[in-house]
C-alpha atoms as a PDB file:
ATOM      1  CA  MET A   1     -25.622 -54.732   0.144  1.00  0.00           C
ATOM      2  CA  ALA A   2     -25.962 -51.603  -2.464  1.00  0.00           C
ATOM      3  CA  LEU A   3     -23.296 -50.982  -4.828  1.00  0.00           C
ATOM      4  CA  VAL A   4     -22.405 -47.499  -4.348  1.00  0.00           C
ATOM      5  CA  GLY A   5     -20.085 -44.954  -6.400  1.00  0.00           C
ATOM      6  CA  ASP A   6     -19.315 -41.742  -7.841  1.00  0.00           C
ATOM      7  CA  LEU A   7     -20.334 -40.863 -11.120  1.00  0.00           C
ATOM      8  CA  ARG A   8     -17.017 -39.949 -12.241  1.00  0.00           C
ATOM      9  CA  ASP A   9     -15.450 -43.060 -11.792  1.00  0.00           C
ATOM     10  CA  ILE A  10     -17.853 -45.273 -12.809  1.00  0.00           C
ATOM     11  CA  LYS A  11     -19.517 -44.983 -16.618  1.00  0.00           C
ATOM     12  CA  ILE A  12     -23.039 -44.914 -16.340  1.00  0.00           C
ATOM     13  CA  GLU A  13     -23.712 -47.484 -19.216  1.00  0.00           C
ATOM     14  CA  ASP A  14     -21.382 -49.845 -17.261  1.00  0.00           C
ATOM     15  CA  ILE A  15     -24.284 -49.549 -14.545  1.00  0.00           C
ATOM     16  CA  LEU A  16     -27.374 -49.645 -17.094  1.00  0.00           C
ATOM     17  CA  LYS A  17     -25.439 -53.011 -18.051  1.00  0.00           C
ATOM     18  CA  PHE A  18     -24.710 -54.950 -15.202  1.00  0.00           C
ATOM     19  CA  ILE A  19     -27.856 -54.253 -14.036  1.00  0.00           C
ATOM     20  CA  LYS A  20     -29.582 -56.077 -17.545  1.00  0.00           C
ATOM     21  CA  ARG A  21     -26.661 -58.491 -17.637  1.00  0.00           C
ATOM     22  CA  LEU A  22     -27.412 -59.803 -13.864  1.00  0.00           C
ATOM     23  CA  SER A  23     -31.535 -59.308 -13.915  1.00  0.00           C
ATOM     24  CA  LYS A  24     -31.412 -56.844 -11.211  1.00  0.00           C
ATOM     25  CA  SER A  25     -34.008 -55.493  -9.114  1.00  0.00           C
ATOM     26  CA  GLY A  26     -34.478 -52.471  -7.285  1.00  0.00           C
ATOM     27  CA  LYS A  27     -33.755 -48.877  -7.455  1.00  0.00           C
ATOM     28  CA  LEU A  28     -30.619 -46.789  -8.641  1.00  0.00           C
ATOM     29  CA  VAL A  29     -30.226 -44.055  -7.109  1.00  0.00           C
ATOM     30  CA  ILE A  30     -29.046 -40.813  -8.649  1.00  0.00           C
ATOM     31  CA  LYS A  31     -27.567 -37.470  -6.856  1.00  0.00           C
ATOM     32  CA  GLY A  32     -26.222 -35.517  -9.507  1.00  0.00           C
ATOM     33  CA  ALA A  33     -24.694 -31.824  -9.444  1.00  0.00           C
ATOM     34  CA  THR A  34     -27.657 -30.443 -11.386  1.00  0.00           C
ATOM     35  CA  LYS A  35     -30.759 -33.342 -10.785  1.00  0.00           C
ATOM     36  CA  LYS A  36     -31.447 -35.761  -8.397  1.00  0.00           C
ATOM     37  CA  GLY A  37     -34.119 -39.039  -8.838  1.00  0.00           C
ATOM     38  CA  GLU A  38     -34.524 -42.867  -8.796  1.00  0.00           C
ATOM     39  CA  ILE A  39     -35.106 -45.104 -11.033  1.00  0.00           C
ATOM     40  CA  TYR A  40     -37.112 -48.689 -10.836  1.00  0.00           C
ATOM     41  CA  PHE A  41     -35.474 -51.594 -11.888  1.00  0.00           C
ATOM     42  CA  ALA A  42     -37.410 -54.867 -12.239  1.00  0.00           C
ATOM     43  CA  LYS A  43     -35.807 -57.721 -13.414  1.00  0.00           C
ATOM     44  CA  GLY A  44     -32.850 -55.669 -15.756  1.00  0.00           C
ATOM     45  CA  MET A  45     -35.814 -53.632 -16.880  1.00  0.00           C
ATOM     46  CA  ILE A  46     -36.439 -50.373 -16.029  1.00  0.00           C
ATOM     47  CA  VAL A  47     -39.692 -49.849 -14.834  1.00  0.00           C
ATOM     48  CA  ALA A  48     -40.108 -45.932 -13.102  1.00  0.00           C
ATOM     49  CA  ALA A  49     -38.792 -43.507 -12.386  1.00  0.00           C
ATOM     50  CA  LYS A  50     -39.407 -40.726  -9.644  1.00  0.00           C
ATOM     51  CA  THR A  51     -38.038 -37.423  -9.326  1.00  0.00           C
ATOM     52  CA  GLY A  52     -38.455 -35.486  -5.925  1.00  0.00           C
ATOM     53  CA  ASP A  53     -41.544 -36.720  -4.145  1.00  0.00           C
ATOM     54  CA  GLU A  54     -43.436 -37.361  -8.187  1.00  0.00           C
ATOM     55  CA  MET A  55     -43.076 -40.619  -9.899  1.00  0.00           C
ATOM     56  CA  ILE A  56     -42.893 -40.170 -13.238  1.00  0.00           C
ATOM     57  CA  LYS A  57     -45.754 -40.562 -16.155  1.00  0.00           C
ATOM     58  CA  LYS A  58     -45.160 -43.319 -18.497  1.00  0.00           C
ATOM     59  CA  GLU A  59     -45.319 -40.571 -21.402  1.00  0.00           C
ATOM     60  CA  GLN A  60     -42.271 -39.298 -19.464  1.00  0.00           C
ATOM     61  CA  LEU A  61     -40.299 -42.065 -18.661  1.00  0.00           C
ATOM     62  CA  GLU A  62     -37.431 -42.296 -21.571  1.00  0.00           C
ATOM     63  CA  LYS A  63     -36.762 -38.232 -21.129  1.00  0.00           C
ATOM     64  CA  GLU A  64     -36.715 -38.010 -17.787  1.00  0.00           C
ATOM     65  CA  VAL A  65     -34.422 -41.244 -17.210  1.00  0.00           C
ATOM     66  CA  LEU A  66     -31.895 -40.382 -20.258  1.00  0.00           C
ATOM     67  CA  GLU A  67     -31.835 -36.726 -17.995  1.00  0.00           C
ATOM     68  CA  LEU A  68     -30.993 -38.951 -14.546  1.00  0.00           C
ATOM     69  CA  LEU A  69     -27.960 -40.191 -16.209  1.00  0.00           C
ATOM     70  CA  LYS A  70     -26.457 -37.889 -18.079  1.00  0.00           C
ATOM     71  CA  GLN A  71     -25.037 -36.103 -15.245  1.00  0.00           C
ATOM     72  CA  GLU A  72     -21.386 -36.588 -14.801  1.00  0.00           C
ATOM     73  CA  GLU A  73     -20.932 -35.517 -11.613  1.00  0.00           C
ATOM     74  CA  GLY A  74     -22.531 -36.629  -8.869  1.00  0.00           C
ATOM     75  CA  THR A  75     -23.018 -40.668  -6.526  1.00  0.00           C
ATOM     76  CA  PHE A  76     -25.271 -43.392  -7.405  1.00  0.00           C
ATOM     77  CA  SER A  77     -26.532 -46.234  -4.917  1.00  0.00           C
ATOM     78  CA  LEU A  78     -27.667 -49.025  -6.374  1.00  0.00           C
ATOM     79  CA  GLU A  79     -30.690 -50.832  -3.873  1.00  0.00           C
ATOM     80  CA  PRO A  80     -33.574 -53.065  -3.030  1.00  0.00           C
ATOM     81  CA  VAL A  81     -36.652 -51.813  -2.792  1.00  0.00           C
ATOM     82  CA  GLU A  82     -38.140 -51.707   0.035  1.00  0.00           C
ATOM     83  CA  GLU A  83     -42.431 -50.775  -0.366  1.00  0.00           C
ATOM     84  CA  GLY A  84     -44.143 -52.067  -4.336  1.00  0.00           C
ATOM     85  CA  ILE A  85     -43.861 -49.761  -7.116  1.00  0.00           C
ATOM     86  CA  ASP A  86     -46.117 -49.168 -10.001  1.00  0.00           C
ATOM     87  CA  GLU A  87     -44.359 -50.665 -13.155  1.00  0.00           C
ATOM     88  CA  VAL A  88     -45.311 -47.546 -15.813  1.00  0.00           C
ATOM     89  CA  SER A  89     -43.164 -49.254 -18.666  1.00  0.00           C
ATOM     90  CA  PHE A  90     -41.045 -51.255 -19.932  1.00  0.00           C
ATOM     91  CA  ILE A  91     -37.294 -50.063 -21.126  1.00  0.00           C
ATOM     92  CA  ASP A  92     -35.023 -52.195 -22.694  1.00  0.00           C
ATOM     93  CA  PRO A  93     -31.337 -50.503 -20.251  1.00  0.00           C
ATOM     94  CA  ASP A  94     -29.359 -51.091 -23.995  1.00  0.00           C
ATOM     95  CA  GLU A  95     -32.312 -48.161 -25.773  1.00  0.00           C
ATOM     96  CA  ILE A  96     -31.384 -45.813 -23.352  1.00  0.00           C
ATOM     97  CA  VAL A  97     -27.250 -46.469 -23.676  1.00  0.00           C
ATOM     98  CA  ILE A  98     -27.197 -45.888 -26.969  1.00  0.00           C
ATOM     99  CA  LYS A  99     -29.049 -42.029 -26.835  1.00  0.00           C
ATOM    100  CA  LEU A 100     -26.361 -41.040 -24.137  1.00  0.00           C
END
C-alpha cells in the first residue's frame, strides 16, 4: 500500500520524519510543479535519488534531494521499490529537514 498525498496538504518534513521513525524502505516519488524525481530510502535513511531516468551521483545527492523537497506544489507517493537500487550514500532525513 502506498502513502499518497498533495504537497500543499502535508508538510514534507512530516513525511521524512514518518519514514525515519518507522525505518521505512521504499521510494518517495515527488511530482512537483517544477521538478519530478524519486528519493530512495533504506531503513529510514536516504540512500539514492533519481530525476528523470538518471540516478544522482553521490556528490550531488543532498543538493538534488533538497531541490525536490523544497517544492510546495505537486504530489507525492511513498511506494515499495520493485527493483534493486544501488545505495550511493546514507543521509539522515533529520539533516535534510534542518535545511528545508
